[in-house]
Protein backbone atom coordinates (compact mmCIF):
# COMPACT_ATOMS: atom_id res chain seq x y z
CA UNK A 1 0.00 0.00 0.00
CA UNK A 2 1.31 3.43 -0.91
CA UNK A 3 1.46 5.65 2.18
CA UNK A 4 1.14 9.39 1.70
CA UNK A 5 0.58 11.80 4.53
CA UNK A 6 0.26 15.50 5.11
CA UNK A 7 1.51 16.74 8.39
CA UNK A 8 1.57 20.23 9.67
CA UNK A 9 3.43 21.47 12.74
CA UNK A 10 1.60 20.59 15.92
CA UNK A 11 1.07 23.34 18.44
CA UNK A 12 1.41 22.49 22.13
CA UNK A 13 -1.90 21.95 23.84
CA UNK A 14 -0.90 22.85 27.40
CA UNK A 15 2.40 24.13 28.73
CA UNK A 16 3.53 23.93 32.32
CA UNK A 17 5.54 26.65 34.02
CA UNK A 18 8.26 24.63 35.73
CA UNK A 19 12.02 24.86 35.53
CA UNK A 20 11.76 22.47 32.60
CA UNK A 21 8.82 23.39 30.43
CA UNK A 22 6.97 20.23 29.52
CA UNK A 23 4.34 20.13 26.87
CA UNK A 24 1.37 17.95 27.73
CA UNK A 25 -0.33 16.24 24.82
CA UNK A 26 2.60 17.04 22.55
CA UNK A 27 3.21 13.50 21.37
CA UNK A 28 1.62 13.68 17.91
CA UNK A 29 2.28 9.99 17.23
CA UNK A 30 0.21 8.98 20.26
CA UNK A 31 -2.56 11.43 19.35
CA UNK A 32 -2.62 10.20 15.74
CA UNK A 33 -3.04 6.61 16.96
CA UNK A 34 -5.89 7.66 19.28
CA UNK A 35 -7.62 9.58 16.49
CA UNK A 36 -7.39 6.60 14.12
CA UNK A 37 -8.74 4.31 16.85
CA UNK A 38 -11.77 6.59 17.27
CA UNK A 39 -12.41 6.36 13.52
CA UNK A 40 -12.18 2.58 13.71
CA UNK A 41 -14.46 2.29 16.73
CA UNK A 42 -16.93 5.15 16.37
CA UNK A 43 -17.31 5.33 12.62
CA UNK A 44 -16.43 2.15 10.74
CA UNK A 45 -17.55 -0.43 13.30
CA UNK A 46 -20.72 1.55 14.00
CA UNK A 47 -21.56 1.81 10.29
CA UNK A 48 -21.07 -1.93 9.88
CA UNK A 49 -23.16 -2.77 12.96
CA UNK A 50 -26.00 -0.37 12.13
CA UNK A 51 -26.40 0.09 8.37
CA UNK A 52 -30.05 1.06 8.94
CA UNK A 53 -28.90 4.44 10.27
CA UNK A 54 -28.44 5.62 6.69
CA UNK A 55 -32.05 4.96 5.65
CA UNK A 56 -33.28 8.30 7.00
CA UNK A 57 -30.58 10.20 5.16
CA UNK A 58 -31.52 8.86 1.71
CA UNK A 59 -28.01 7.42 1.55
CA UNK A 60 -26.69 4.01 0.76
CA UNK A 61 -24.94 2.40 3.71
CA UNK A 62 -21.32 1.45 3.10
CA UNK A 63 -21.06 -2.16 1.94
CA UNK A 64 -19.41 -4.75 4.16
CA UNK A 65 -16.54 -4.99 1.64
CA UNK A 66 -16.03 -1.22 1.71
CA UNK A 67 -16.06 -1.15 5.50
CA UNK A 68 -13.66 -4.12 5.71
CA UNK A 69 -11.19 -2.45 3.33
CA UNK A 70 -11.54 0.94 5.04
CA UNK A 71 -10.97 -0.76 8.41
CA UNK A 72 -7.85 -2.49 7.10
CA UNK A 73 -6.47 0.77 5.69
CA UNK A 74 -7.29 2.72 8.87
CA UNK A 75 -5.61 0.04 10.99
CA UNK A 76 -2.46 0.24 8.86
CA UNK A 77 -2.46 4.03 9.04
CA UNK A 78 -2.99 3.92 12.81
CA UNK A 79 -0.13 1.45 13.24
CA UNK A 80 2.12 3.71 11.14
CA UNK A 81 1.09 6.69 13.35
CA UNK A 82 0.10 8.59 10.20
CA UNK A 83 -1.82 11.84 10.66
CA UNK A 84 -5.53 11.04 10.71
CA UNK A 85 -7.99 12.33 8.13
CA UNK A 86 -9.92 15.50 8.81
CA UNK A 87 -13.09 13.68 7.86
CA UNK A 88 -14.40 10.20 7.14
CA UNK A 89 -17.73 9.80 5.42
CA UNK A 90 -19.81 7.24 3.55
CA UNK A 91 -19.95 7.87 -0.19
CA UNK A 92 -23.26 8.09 -2.02
CA UNK A 93 -22.49 4.79 -3.81
CA UNK A 94 -21.91 2.68 -0.67
CA UNK A 95 -18.20 3.26 -0.17
CA UNK A 96 -16.11 5.13 2.39
CA UNK A 97 -14.03 8.28 1.85
CA UNK A 98 -11.18 9.67 3.99
CA UNK A 99 -9.76 13.15 3.40
CA UNK A 100 -7.01 15.33 4.78
CA UNK A 101 -6.33 18.90 3.66
CA UNK A 102 -3.16 20.95 3.95
CA UNK A 103 -2.50 24.48 2.79
CA UNK A 104 -2.17 23.49 -0.89
CA UNK A 105 -2.70 19.71 -0.92
CA UNK A 106 -5.82 17.67 -0.37
CA UNK A 107 -5.52 13.91 -0.11
CA UNK A 108 -8.59 11.76 -0.60
CA UNK A 109 -8.66 8.04 -0.15
CA UNK A 110 -11.85 6.51 -1.54
CA UNK A 111 -12.87 2.93 -0.85
CA UNK A 112 -15.43 1.77 -3.38
CA UNK A 113 -18.37 -0.53 -2.58
CA UNK A 114 -16.47 -3.51 -4.08
CA UNK A 115 -13.57 -2.91 -1.66
CA UNK A 116 -11.16 -1.47 -4.21
CA UNK A 117 -9.47 1.79 -3.22
CA UNK A 118 -8.11 4.87 -4.91
CA UNK A 119 -5.80 7.61 -3.64
CA UNK A 120 -6.38 11.05 -5.13
CA UNK A 121 -4.00 13.94 -4.51
CA UNK A 122 -5.21 17.43 -5.36
CA UNK A 123 -2.90 20.40 -5.47
CA UNK A 124 -4.71 23.71 -5.34
CA UNK A 125 -7.94 21.89 -6.32
CA UNK A 126 -6.41 20.23 -9.40
CA UNK A 127 -5.73 16.52 -9.63
CA UNK A 128 -2.02 15.98 -9.09
CA UNK A 129 -2.20 12.18 -9.05
CA UNK A 130 -4.72 9.39 -8.98
CA UNK A 131 -3.59 5.90 -8.02
CA UNK A 132 -5.32 2.60 -7.45
CA UNK A 133 -4.29 1.13 -4.13
CA UNK A 134 -3.46 -2.49 -3.63
CA UNK A 135 -4.96 -3.51 -0.31
CA UNK A 136 -3.64 -6.79 1.08
């Protein structure tokens, strides 16, 4: 799987005023892992367990294949401590989309209903690259 991330400098959350200033919550790797875990638990597993929640929204629930592939990708990204996406959403066709935006780059990872995946990189809103991902 091709791994592409956008990371921006992290600002300290809380600083102490001791002889040695320590920054609490400044371990971005730990925070990235926690954020990915929330996506796994609160989004993907929930969507798989309760596909009926999409009926009221006139949306198609993500397919089991799409959720399984998205879960596998999210697990790999979590384990690599990659920056998490800014949003994760079901697609209108029954897939799952992840996206992360930087100042000039937007990265979208789209998992289709059949479980295939595509990585799209946009630079200043223009497609810079579009690659099929091999998910093992």
